[in-house]
Amino acid sequence: MGENGTVRSRPPAGSWHAEAYRLHVEEGLSFAEIGRRFSVAAESVRYAVRTMERNGGARPPGAQDASWHMEAWRLYADGMSVRDIAARFEVDRSTVNLALRKLSGHLGPLRPRRKPTVRYDHAAAFRAMVEGGLSFAEAAARFRADVGAFRAAMRRHAAAHGLEMPTHPPKAEDAAPPRVKTQNSGEAPKLTRATKPTKAAATKPDRVPTAAPKPKAVMPPLPAPPPAISKPPVHVAPPAPPTVARRPRPDRSGDEAAIAAFLASRGATRIEARWAAGSRPIALPGA
């Protein structure tokens, strides 16, 4: 908002860089104050001032001049290619792409490029189709228009003026081959693989086969599969291990008297002698 309530428009890109640099260096204004004066963001002022500082206080010439960015944006949105824009402003294509990416941060994403509008006389195009016998593709190529858009334009022109769309007979190379009747219709029989002449016979009718065709090899029959091996049933338990006969215990009854005599000589009691002799009552000598 300017003085007296008037709305201050945003200056063209690049036109305020030198003045912003002078205000920042000579008068010491901050980036925010300069941005409010020129209705731009403080980061844009910082970028402009730092760029001019790197170039010795002068605005960079040619590709680094931002005065053509908005015009490049408009031309690109209208369908002009980056190559043509670079040739128009005498810069390289990378500079144009960089400028478009910078402006997309302020103006939003780039719209998809639309095809340039091809202007031609619809009446002349319709007359060329009727009198010259041109198809839609041929007439569209003559007037450098898209085939789909050209067909829609011709239909709108015919409907608006009460004309009839031209219908041209198909060309000889575009005509469909004659349909061969089947055997059930009583006409000429349909050619089959057996009756259809081969390519060699059609190109060389005088050719005579010199040798009989070789018979096809007959594959010998496959051998019979081996008999299936029967497996034992799962529920059969394995055989029990063989039982080992125990050896008979030796008769040690004759040794009990010797054991009892030995224990008695050592002063053993009756209980000790009974335990040592195998838990049987033993009569100790002299008891």
C-alpha atoms as a PDB file:
ATOM      1  CA  MET A   1       0.000   0.000   0.000  1.00  0.00           C
ATOM      2  CA  GLY A   2       1.500   3.305  -1.069  1.00  0.00           C
ATOM      3  CA  GLU A   3       0.788   6.867  -0.012  1.00  0.00           C
ATOM      4  CA  ASN A   4      -2.799   8.204   0.094  1.00  0.00           C
ATOM      5  CA  GLY A   5      -4.147   4.648   0.154  1.00  0.00           C
ATOM      6  CA  THR A   6      -3.074   3.796  -3.387  1.00  0.00           C
ATOM      7  CA  VAL A   7      -2.109   0.230  -4.213  1.00  0.00           C
ATOM      8  CA  ARG A   8       1.490   0.019  -5.339  1.00  0.00           C
ATOM      9  CA  SER A   9       2.061  -2.526  -8.061  1.00  0.00           C
ATOM     10  CA  ARG A  10       5.001  -4.885  -7.945  1.00  0.00           C
ATOM     11  CA  PRO A  11       7.953  -3.617 -10.021  1.00  0.00           C
ATOM     12  CA  PRO A  12       9.245  -5.692 -12.914  1.00  0.00           C
ATOM     13  CA  ALA A  13      11.810  -8.298 -12.001  1.00  0.00           C
ATOM     14  CA  GLY A  14      15.330  -6.862 -12.138  1.00  0.00           C
ATOM     15  CA  SER A  15      14.340  -3.184 -12.385  1.00  0.00           C
ATOM     16  CA  TRP A  16      14.831  -2.479  -8.647  1.00  0.00           C
ATOM     17  CA  HIS A  17      18.099  -4.329  -8.061  1.00  0.00           C
ATOM     18  CA  ALA A  18      20.406  -1.320  -8.483  1.00  0.00           C
ATOM     19  CA  GLU A  19      18.256   0.913  -6.265  1.00  0.00           C
ATOM     20  CA  ALA A  20      18.007  -1.789  -3.598  1.00  0.00           C
ATOM     21  CA  TYR A  21      21.778  -2.193  -3.641  1.00  0.00           C
ATOM     22  CA  ARG A  22      22.249   1.581  -3.240  1.00  0.00           C
ATOM     23  CA  LEU A  23      19.753   1.791  -0.347  1.00  0.00           C
ATOM     24  CA  HIS A  24      21.405  -1.092   1.462  1.00  0.00           C
ATOM     25  CA  VAL A  25      24.999   0.100   0.979  1.00  0.00           C
ATOM     26  CA  GLU A  26      24.670   3.894   1.178  1.00  0.00           C
ATOM     27  CA  GLU A  27      21.660   4.428   3.442  1.00  0.00           C
ATOM     28  CA  GLY A  28      22.015   1.246   5.479  1.00  0.00           C
ATOM     29  CA  LEU A  29      18.416   0.069   5.117  1.00  0.00           C
ATOM     30  CA  SER A  30      17.661  -3.516   6.039  1.00  0.00           C
ATOM     31  CA  PHE A  31      16.435  -6.136   3.608  1.00  0.00           C
ATOM     32  CA  ALA A  32      12.957  -6.075   5.146  1.00  0.00           C
ATOM     33  CA  GLU A  33      12.643  -2.284   4.775  1.00  0.00           C
ATOM     34  CA  ILE A  34      13.800  -2.418   1.170  1.00  0.00           C
ATOM     35  CA  GLY A  35      11.394  -5.284   0.501  1.00  0.00           C
ATOM     36  CA  ARG A  36       8.449  -3.295   1.883  1.00  0.00           C
ATOM     37  CA  ARG A  37       9.434  -0.337  -0.287  1.00  0.00           C
ATOM     38  CA  PHE A  38       9.498  -2.404  -3.486  1.00  0.00           C
ATOM     39  CA  SER A  39       6.725  -4.862  -2.463  1.00  0.00           C
ATOM     40  CA  VAL A  40       9.012  -7.869  -2.628  1.00  0.00           C
ATOM     41  CA  ALA A  41      10.160 -10.435  -0.092  1.00  0.00           C
ATOM     42  CA  ALA A  42      13.212  -9.819   2.063  1.00  0.00           C
ATOM     43  CA  GLU A  43      14.869 -12.959   0.685  1.00  0.00           C
ATOM     44  CA  SER A  44      14.515 -11.578  -2.854  1.00  0.00           C
ATOM     45  CA  VAL A  45      16.229  -8.365  -1.756  1.00  0.00           C
ATOM     46  CA  ARG A  46      19.013 -10.352  -0.079  1.00  0.00           C
ATOM     47  CA  TYR A  47      19.550 -12.399  -3.239  1.00  0.00           C
ATOM     48  CA  ALA A  48      19.630  -9.270  -5.459  1.00  0.00           C
ATOM     49  CA  VAL A  49      22.073  -7.412  -3.194  1.00  0.00           C
ATOM     50  CA  ARG A  50      24.407 -10.406  -2.784  1.00  0.00           C
ATOM     51  CA  THR A  51      24.392 -10.968  -6.555  1.00  0.00           C
ATOM     52  CA  MET A  52      25.345  -7.357  -7.231  1.00  0.00           C
ATOM     53  CA  GLU A  53      28.077  -7.524  -4.580  1.00  0.00           C
ATOM     54  CA  ARG A  54      29.643 -10.475  -6.393  1.00  0.00           C
ATOM     55  CA  ASN A  55      29.571  -8.451  -9.625  1.00  0.00           C
ATOM     56  CA  GLY A  56      31.186  -5.333  -8.186  1.00  0.00           C
ATOM     57  CA  GLY A  57      28.019  -3.345  -7.546  1.00  0.00           C
ATOM     58  CA  ALA A  58      26.632  -3.641 -11.073  1.00  0.00           C
ATOM     59  CA  ARG A  59      23.739  -5.732 -12.248  1.00  0.00           C
ATOM     60  CA  PRO A  60      24.996  -8.832 -14.061  1.00  0.00           C
ATOM     61  CA  PRO A  61      24.514  -8.596 -17.835  1.00  0.00           C
ATOM     62  CA  GLY A  62      22.853 -11.030 -20.171  1.00  0.00           C
ATOM     63  CA  ALA A  63      21.744 -14.272 -18.588  1.00  0.00           C
ATOM     64  CA  GLN A  64      21.823 -13.003 -15.007  1.00  0.00           C
ATOM     65  CA  ASP A  65      19.518 -10.081 -15.814  1.00  0.00           C
ATOM     66  CA  ALA A  66      16.057 -10.930 -14.484  1.00  0.00           C
ATOM     67  CA  SER A  67      14.142  -8.377 -16.551  1.00  0.00           C
ATOM     68  CA  TRP A  68      13.175 -10.983 -19.164  1.00  0.00           C
ATOM     69  CA  HIS A  69      12.002 -13.698 -16.766  1.00  0.00           C
ATOM     70  CA  MET A  70       8.313 -12.770 -16.772  1.00  0.00           C
ATOM     71  CA  GLU A  71       8.266 -12.533 -20.552  1.00  0.00           C
ATOM     72  CA  ALA A  72       9.928 -15.962 -20.758  1.00  0.00           C
ATOM     73  CA  TRP A  73       7.317 -17.329 -18.347  1.00  0.00           C
ATOM     74  CA  ARG A  74       4.483 -16.002 -20.529  1.00  0.00           C
ATOM     75  CA  LEU A  75       6.018 -17.350 -23.726  1.00  0.00           C
ATOM     76  CA  TYR A  76       6.578 -20.779 -22.186  1.00  0.00           C
ATOM     77  CA  ALA A  77       2.977 -20.878 -20.943  1.00  0.00           C
ATOM     78  CA  ASP A  78       1.802 -20.002 -24.461  1.00  0.00           C
ATOM     79  CA  GLY A  79       3.588 -23.040 -25.878  1.00  0.00           C
ATOM     80  CA  MET A  80       6.994 -21.754 -26.964  1.00  0.00           C
ATOM     81  CA  SER A  81       9.833 -24.185 -26.366  1.00  0.00           C
ATOM     82  CA  VAL A  82      12.807 -23.497 -24.116  1.00  0.00           C
ATOM     83  CA  ARG A  83      15.125 -23.590 -27.141  1.00  0.00           C
ATOM     84  CA  ASP A  84      13.176 -20.815 -28.888  1.00  0.00           C
ATOM     85  CA  ILE A  85      13.004 -18.706 -25.707  1.00  0.00           C
ATOM     86  CA  ALA A  86      16.773 -19.024 -25.228  1.00  0.00           C
ATOM     87  CA  ALA A  87      17.385 -17.970 -28.836  1.00  0.00           C
ATOM     88  CA  ARG A  88      15.041 -15.015 -28.459  1.00  0.00           C
ATOM     89  CA  PHE A  89      16.775 -13.590 -25.370  1.00  0.00           C
ATOM     90  CA  GLU A  90      20.276 -14.740 -26.455  1.00  0.00           C
ATOM     91  CA  VAL A  91      20.863 -16.965 -23.432  1.00  0.00           C
ATOM     92  CA  ASP A  92      21.422 -20.671 -23.036  1.00  0.00           C
ATOM     93  CA  ARG A  93      18.685 -23.187 -22.255  1.00  0.00           C
ATOM     94  CA  SER A  94      19.917 -23.904 -18.722  1.00  0.00           C
ATOM     95  CA  THR A  95      19.465 -20.213 -17.849  1.00  0.00           C
ATOM     96  CA  VAL A  96      15.887 -20.300 -19.136  1.00  0.00           C
ATOM     97  CA  ASN A  97      15.123 -23.440 -17.124  1.00  0.00           C
ATOM     98  CA  LEU A  98      16.625 -21.846 -13.994  1.00  0.00           C
ATOM     99  CA  ALA A  99      14.535 -18.696 -14.473  1.00  0.00           C
ATOM    100  CA  LEU A 100      11.349 -20.725 -14.907  1.00  0.00           C
ATOM    101  CA  ARG A 101      12.074 -22.734 -11.758  1.00  0.00           C
ATOM    102  CA  LYS A 102      12.682 -19.544  -9.754  1.00  0.00           C
ATOM    103  CA  LEU A 103       9.431 -17.999 -10.930  1.00  0.00           C
ATOM    104  CA  SER A 104       7.513 -21.183 -10.166  1.00  0.00           C
ATOM    105  CA  GLY A 105       8.233 -20.567  -6.472  1.00  0.00           C
ATOM    106  CA  HIS A 106       6.500 -17.150  -6.648  1.00  0.00           C
ATOM    107  CA  LEU A 107       3.809 -17.738  -9.281  1.00  0.00           C
ATOM    108  CA  GLY A 108       2.978 -21.372  -8.585  1.00  0.00           C
ATOM    109  CA  PRO A 109       3.731 -24.501 -10.573  1.00  0.00           C
ATOM    110  CA  LEU A 110       4.128 -24.253 -14.297  1.00  0.00           C
ATOM    111  CA  ARG A 111       1.038 -25.084 -16.282  1.00  0.00           C
ATOM    112  CA  PRO A 112       1.356 -27.921 -18.769  1.00  0.00           C
ATOM    113  CA  ARG A 113       2.509 -26.699 -22.125  1.00  0.00           C
ATOM    114  CA  ARG A 114      -0.305 -26.506 -24.623  1.00  0.00           C
ATOM    115  CA  LYS A 115       0.178 -26.904 -28.322  1.00  0.00           C
ATOM    116  CA  PRO A 116       0.372 -23.662 -30.303  1.00  0.00           C
ATOM    117  CA  THR A 117      -2.919 -22.775 -31.925  1.00  0.00           C
ATOM    118  CA  VAL A 118      -2.874 -23.349 -35.680  1.00  0.00           C
ATOM    119  CA  ARG A 119      -5.143 -20.883 -37.435  1.00  0.00           C
ATOM    120  CA  TYR A 120      -6.472 -21.734 -40.881  1.00  0.00           C
ATOM    121  CA  ASP A 121      -9.568 -21.076 -42.936  1.00  0.00           C
ATOM    122  CA  HIS A 122     -12.106 -23.791 -42.183  1.00  0.00           C
ATOM    123  CA  ALA A 123     -14.048 -23.080 -45.368  1.00  0.00           C
ATOM    124  CA  ALA A 124     -10.919 -23.431 -47.503  1.00  0.00           C
ATOM    125  CA  ALA A 125      -9.984 -26.658 -45.740  1.00  0.00           C
ATOM    126  CA  PHE A 126     -13.485 -28.074 -46.224  1.00  0.00           C
ATOM    127  CA  ARG A 127     -13.419 -27.065 -49.898  1.00  0.00           C
ATOM    128  CA  ALA A 128     -10.047 -28.780 -50.327  1.00  0.00           C
ATOM    129  CA  MET A 129     -11.472 -31.992 -48.918  1.00  0.00           C
ATOM    130  CA  VAL A 130     -14.547 -31.874 -51.178  1.00  0.00           C
ATOM    131  CA  GLU A 131     -12.883 -30.795 -54.419  1.00  0.00           C
ATOM    132  CA  GLY A 132      -9.489 -32.416 -54.024  1.00  0.00           C
ATOM    133  CA  GLY A 133     -10.751 -35.672 -52.556  1.00  0.00           C
ATOM    134  CA  LEU A 134      -8.365 -35.432 -49.605  1.00  0.00           C
ATOM    135  CA  SER A 135      -8.750 -37.485 -46.472  1.00  0.00           C
ATOM    136  CA  PHE A 136      -8.727 -36.007 -42.984  1.00  0.00           C
ATOM    137  CA  ALA A 137      -5.071 -36.934 -42.487  1.00  0.00           C
ATOM    138  CA  GLU A 138      -3.971 -35.461 -45.831  1.00  0.00           C
ATOM    139  CA  ALA A 139      -5.923 -32.232 -45.341  1.00  0.00           C
ATOM    140  CA  ALA A 140      -4.662 -31.865 -41.758  1.00  0.00           C
ATOM    141  CA  ALA A 141      -1.081 -32.335 -42.944  1.00  0.00           C
ATOM    142  CA  ARG A 142      -1.599 -29.695 -45.646  1.00  0.00           C
ATOM    143  CA  PHE A 143      -2.876 -27.137 -43.123  1.00  0.00           C
ATOM    144  CA  ARG A 144      -0.383 -28.257 -40.411  1.00  0.00           C
ATOM    145  CA  ALA A 145      -3.090 -29.130 -37.912  1.00  0.00           C
ATOM    146  CA  ASP A 146      -3.753 -32.048 -35.609  1.00  0.00           C
ATOM    147  CA  VAL A 147      -5.862 -34.782 -37.197  1.00  0.00           C
ATOM    148  CA  GLY A 148      -8.342 -35.040 -34.323  1.00  0.00           C
ATOM    149  CA  ALA A 149      -8.755 -31.276 -33.989  1.00  0.00           C
ATOM    150  CA  PHE A 150      -9.050 -30.935 -37.779  1.00  0.00           C
ATOM    151  CA  ARG A 151     -11.786 -33.582 -37.964  1.00  0.00           C
ATOM    152  CA  ALA A 152     -13.729 -31.914 -35.142  1.00  0.00           C
ATOM    153  CA  ALA A 153     -13.383 -28.496 -36.820  1.00  0.00           C
ATOM    154  CA  MET A 154     -14.649 -29.850 -40.133  1.00  0.00           C
ATOM    155  CA  ARG A 155     -17.660 -31.449 -38.447  1.00  0.00           C
ATOM    156  CA  ARG A 156     -18.497 -28.192 -36.664  1.00  0.00           C
ATOM    157  CA  HIS A 157     -18.126 -26.272 -39.932  1.00  0.00           C
ATOM    158  CA  ALA A 158     -20.400 -28.706 -41.782  1.00  0.00           C
ATOM    159  CA  ALA A 159     -23.037 -28.597 -39.026  1.00  0.00           C
ATOM    160  CA  ALA A 160     -22.971 -24.782 -38.855  1.00  0.00           C
ATOM    161  CA  HIS A 161     -23.419 -24.307 -42.621  1.00  0.00           C
ATOM    162  CA  GLY A 162     -25.710 -27.258 -43.277  1.00  0.00           C
ATOM    163  CA  LEU A 163     -23.149 -29.116 -45.364  1.00  0.00           C
ATOM    164  CA  GLU A 164     -22.620 -32.827 -45.695  1.00  0.00           C
ATOM    165  CA  MET A 165     -19.350 -34.381 -44.705  1.00  0.00           C
ATOM    166  CA  PRO A 166     -17.443 -35.698 -47.743  1.00  0.00           C
ATOM    167  CA  THR A 167     -17.190 -39.448 -48.077  1.00  0.00           C
ATOM    168  CA  HIS A 168     -14.413 -40.683 -50.328  1.00  0.00           C
ATOM    169  CA  PRO A 169     -14.154 -44.252 -51.640  1.00  0.00           C
ATOM    170  CA  PRO A 170     -11.199 -46.186 -50.253  1.00  0.00           C
ATOM    171  CA  LYS A 171      -8.056 -46.303 -52.309  1.00  0.00           C
ATOM    172  CA  ALA A 172      -6.934 -49.429 -54.111  1.00  0.00           C
ATOM    173  CA  GLU A 173      -4.203 -50.174 -51.609  1.00  0.00           C
ATOM    174  CA  ASP A 174      -6.561 -49.553 -48.687  1.00  0.00           C
ATOM    175  CA  ALA A 175      -9.417 -51.682 -50.059  1.00  0.00           C
ATOM    176  CA  ALA A 176     -10.136 -54.941 -48.285  1.00  0.00           C
ATOM    177  CA  PRO A 177      -9.279 -58.164 -50.172  1.00  0.00           C
ATOM    178  CA  PRO A 178     -12.211 -60.017 -51.776  1.00  0.00           C
ATOM    179  CA  ARG A 179     -13.911 -62.425 -49.453  1.00  0.00           C
ATOM    180  CA  VAL A 180     -13.526 -66.099 -50.365  1.00  0.00           C
ATOM    181  CA  LYS A 181     -16.765 -68.059 -50.219  1.00  0.00           C
ATOM    182  CA  THR A 182     -16.938 -71.224 -48.161  1.00  0.00           C
ATOM    183  CA  GLN A 183     -17.749 -74.660 -49.512  1.00  0.00           C
ATOM    184  CA  ASN A 184     -21.278 -74.607 -48.062  1.00  0.00           C
ATOM    185  CA  SER A 185     -22.333 -71.645 -50.218  1.00  0.00           C
ATOM    186  CA  GLY A 186     -21.865 -73.443 -53.526  1.00  0.00           C
ATOM    187  CA  GLU A 187     -19.174 -71.010 -54.681  1.00  0.00           C
ATOM    188  CA  ALA A 188     -15.488 -71.555 -55.176  1.00  0.00           C
ATOM    189  CA  PRO A 189     -14.037 -73.756 -52.435  1.00  0.00           C
ATOM    190  CA  LYS A 190     -11.868 -72.129 -49.814  1.00  0.00           C
ATOM    191  CA  LEU A 191      -8.184 -72.778 -50.193  1.00  0.00           C
ATOM    192  CA  THR A 192      -6.743 -75.005 -47.511  1.00  0.00           C
ATOM    193  CA  ARG A 193      -3.198 -75.825 -46.550  1.00  0.00           C
ATOM    194  CA  ALA A 194      -3.266 -78.892 -48.797  1.00  0.00           C
ATOM    195  CA  THR A 195      -4.647 -77.098 -51.887  1.00  0.00           C
ATOM    196  CA  LYS A 196      -3.017 -73.698 -51.411  1.00  0.00           C
ATOM    197  CA  PRO A 197       0.035 -73.294 -53.682  1.00  0.00           C
ATOM    198  CA  THR A 198       3.281 -72.747 -51.860  1.00  0.00           C
ATOM    199  CA  LYS A 199       5.481 -69.720 -52.278  1.00  0.00           C
ATOM    200  CA  ALA A 200       8.125 -71.710 -54.130  1.00  0.00           C
ATOM    201  CA  ALA A 201       5.570 -73.101 -56.571  1.00  0.00           C
ATOM    202  CA  ALA A 202       4.107 -69.651 -57.165  1.00  0.00           C
ATOM    203  CA  THR A 203       7.472 -68.058 -57.884  1.00  0.00           C
ATOM    204  CA  LYS A 204       9.053 -71.021 -59.752  1.00  0.00           C
ATOM    205  CA  PRO A 205       6.340 -73.056 -61.524  1.00  0.00           C
ATOM    206  CA  ASP A 206       8.891 -74.983 -63.647  1.00  0.00           C
ATOM    207  CA  ARG A 207      10.679 -76.390 -60.644  1.00  0.00           C
ATOM    208  CA  VAL A 208      10.495 -80.180 -60.395  1.00  0.00           C
ATOM    209  CA  PRO A 209      11.354 -81.942 -57.142  1.00  0.00           C
ATOM    210  CA  THR A 210      14.500 -84.012 -57.595  1.00  0.00           C
ATOM    211  CA  ALA A 211      14.168 -86.272 -54.581  1.00  0.00           C
ATOM    212  CA  ALA A 212      11.318 -87.675 -52.611  1.00  0.00           C
ATOM    213  CA  PRO A 213      10.698 -86.050 -49.279  1.00  0.00           C
ATOM    214  CA  LYS A 214      12.337 -87.771 -46.376  1.00  0.00           C
ATOM    215  CA  PRO A 215       9.975 -89.656 -44.098  1.00  0.00           C
ATOM    216  CA  LYS A 216       9.499 -88.209 -40.706  1.00  0.00           C
ATOM    217  CA  ALA A 217      11.355 -89.911 -37.923  1.00  0.00           C
ATOM    218  CA  VAL A 218       9.116 -91.991 -35.710  1.00  0.00           C
ATOM    219  CA  MET A 219       9.873 -91.712 -32.058  1.00  0.00           C
ATOM    220  CA  PRO A 220      10.246 -95.139 -30.371  1.00  0.00           C
ATOM    221  CA  PRO A 221       7.788 -95.948 -27.612  1.00  0.00           C
ATOM    222  CA  LEU A 222       8.829 -95.142 -24.124  1.00  0.00           C
ATOM    223  CA  PRO A 223       9.791 -98.071 -21.835  1.00  0.00           C
ATOM    224  CA  ALA A 224       7.297 -99.254 -19.288  1.00  0.00           C
ATOM    225  CA  PRO A 225       7.724 -97.745 -15.855  1.00  0.00           C
ATOM    226  CA  PRO A 226       9.235-100.002 -13.174  1.00  0.00           C
ATOM    227  CA  PRO A 227       6.842-101.700 -10.740  1.00  0.00           C
ATOM    228  CA  ALA A 228       6.014 -99.813  -7.639  1.00  0.00           C
ATOM    229  CA  ILE A 229       7.889-100.832  -4.507  1.00  0.00           C
ATOM    230  CA  SER A 230       5.543-101.850  -1.717  1.00  0.00           C
ATOM    231  CA  LYS A 231       6.331-100.168   1.540  1.00  0.00           C
ATOM    232  CA  PRO A 232       5.675-101.784   4.970  1.00  0.00           C
ATOM    233  CA  PRO A 233       2.626-100.457   6.763  1.00  0.00           C
ATOM    234  CA  VAL A 234       3.292 -97.681   9.175  1.00  0.00           C
ATOM    235  CA  HIS A 235       1.366 -99.255  12.094  1.00  0.00           C
ATOM    236  CA  VAL A 236       3.617-102.396  12.306  1.00  0.00           C
ATOM    237  CA  ALA A 237       5.790-102.189  15.413  1.00  0.00           C
ATOM    238  CA  PRO A 238       9.458-103.100  15.131  1.00  0.00           C
ATOM    239  CA  PRO A 239      10.455-106.538  16.474  1.00  0.00           C
ATOM    240  CA  ALA A 240      11.332-106.766  20.168  1.00  0.00           C
ATOM    241  CA  PRO A 241      14.987-107.191  21.048  1.00  0.00           C
ATOM    242  CA  PRO A 242      16.031-110.779  22.017  1.00  0.00           C
ATOM    243  CA  THR A 243      15.972-111.615  25.726  1.00  0.00           C
ATOM    244  CA  VAL A 244      19.316-112.460  27.358  1.00  0.00           C
ATOM    245  CA  ALA A 245      19.213-115.387  29.835  1.00  0.00           C
ATOM    246  CA  ARG A 246      20.617-114.507  33.213  1.00  0.00           C
ATOM    247  CA  ARG A 247      23.425-116.607  34.585  1.00  0.00           C
ATOM    248  CA  PRO A 248      22.584-118.522  37.781  1.00  0.00           C
ATOM    249  CA  ARG A 249      23.951-117.018  40.924  1.00  0.00           C
ATOM    250  CA  PRO A 250      26.867-119.031  42.375  1.00  0.00           C
ATOM    251  CA  ASP A 251      26.252-120.920  45.569  1.00  0.00           C
ATOM    252  CA  ARG A 252      28.214-119.197  48.267  1.00  0.00           C
ATOM    253  CA  SER A 253      26.639-120.984  51.264  1.00  0.00           C
ATOM    254  CA  GLY A 254      29.922-122.779  52.066  1.00  0.00           C
ATOM    255  CA  ASP A 255      31.664-119.451  52.531  1.00  0.00           C
ATOM    256  CA  GLU A 256      29.309-118.267  55.257  1.00  0.00           C
ATOM    257  CA  ALA A 257      31.040-120.328  57.943  1.00  0.00           C
ATOM    258  CA  ALA A 258      34.420-118.916  56.992  1.00  0.00           C
ATOM    259  CA  ILE A 259      33.018-115.382  57.003  1.00  0.00           C
ATOM    260  CA  ALA A 260      31.452-115.927  60.414  1.00  0.00           C
ATOM    261  CA  ALA A 261      34.707-117.305  61.853  1.00  0.00           C
ATOM    262  CA  PHE A 262      36.621-114.370  60.489  1.00  0.00           C
ATOM    263  CA  LEU A 263      34.167-111.868  61.941  1.00  0.00           C
ATOM    264  CA  ALA A 264      34.225-113.591  65.314  1.00  0.00           C
ATOM    265  CA  SER A 265      37.990-113.413  65.431  1.00  0.00           C
ATOM    266  CA  ARG A 266      37.731-109.717  64.819  1.00  0.00           C
ATOM    267  CA  GLY A 267      35.200-109.209  67.629  1.00  0.00           C
ATOM    268  CA  ALA A 268      32.071-108.785  65.455  1.00  0.00           C
ATOM    269  CA  THR A 269      28.669-109.060  67.014  1.00  0.00           C
ATOM    270  CA  ARG A 270      25.822-111.323  65.880  1.00  0.00           C
ATOM    271  CA  ILE A 271      24.098-108.470  64.027  1.00  0.00           C
ATOM    272  CA  GLU A 272      27.225-107.614  62.062  1.00  0.00           C
ATOM    273  CA  ALA A 273      27.830-111.235  61.207  1.00  0.00           C
ATOM    274  CA  ARG A 274      24.215-111.618  60.067  1.00  0.00           C
ATOM    275  CA  TRP A 275      24.453-108.537  57.815  1.00  0.00           C
ATOM    276  CA  ALA A 276      27.773-109.673  56.328  1.00  0.00           C
ATOM    277  CA  ALA A 277      26.552-113.214  55.674  1.00  0.00           C
ATOM    278  CA  GLY A 278      23.529-112.145  53.613  1.00  0.00           C
ATOM    279  CA  SER A 279      20.848-111.289  56.193  1.00  0.00           C
ATOM    280  CA  ARG A 280      20.547-114.886  57.354  1.00  0.00           C
ATOM    281  CA  PRO A 281      20.961-115.953  60.997  1.00  0.00           C
ATOM    282  CA  ILE A 282      24.410-117.414  61.456  1.00  0.00           C
ATOM    283  CA  ALA A 283      25.546-119.273  64.544  1.00  0.00           C
ATOM    284  CA  LEU A 284      28.825-117.743  65.531  1.00  0.00           C
ATOM    285  CA  PRO A 285      31.390-120.128  66.933  1.00  0.00           C
ATOM    286  CA  GLY A 286      31.504-120.085  70.747  1.00  0.00           C
ATOM    287  CA  ALA A 287      28.101-118.289  70.985  1.00  0.00           C
END
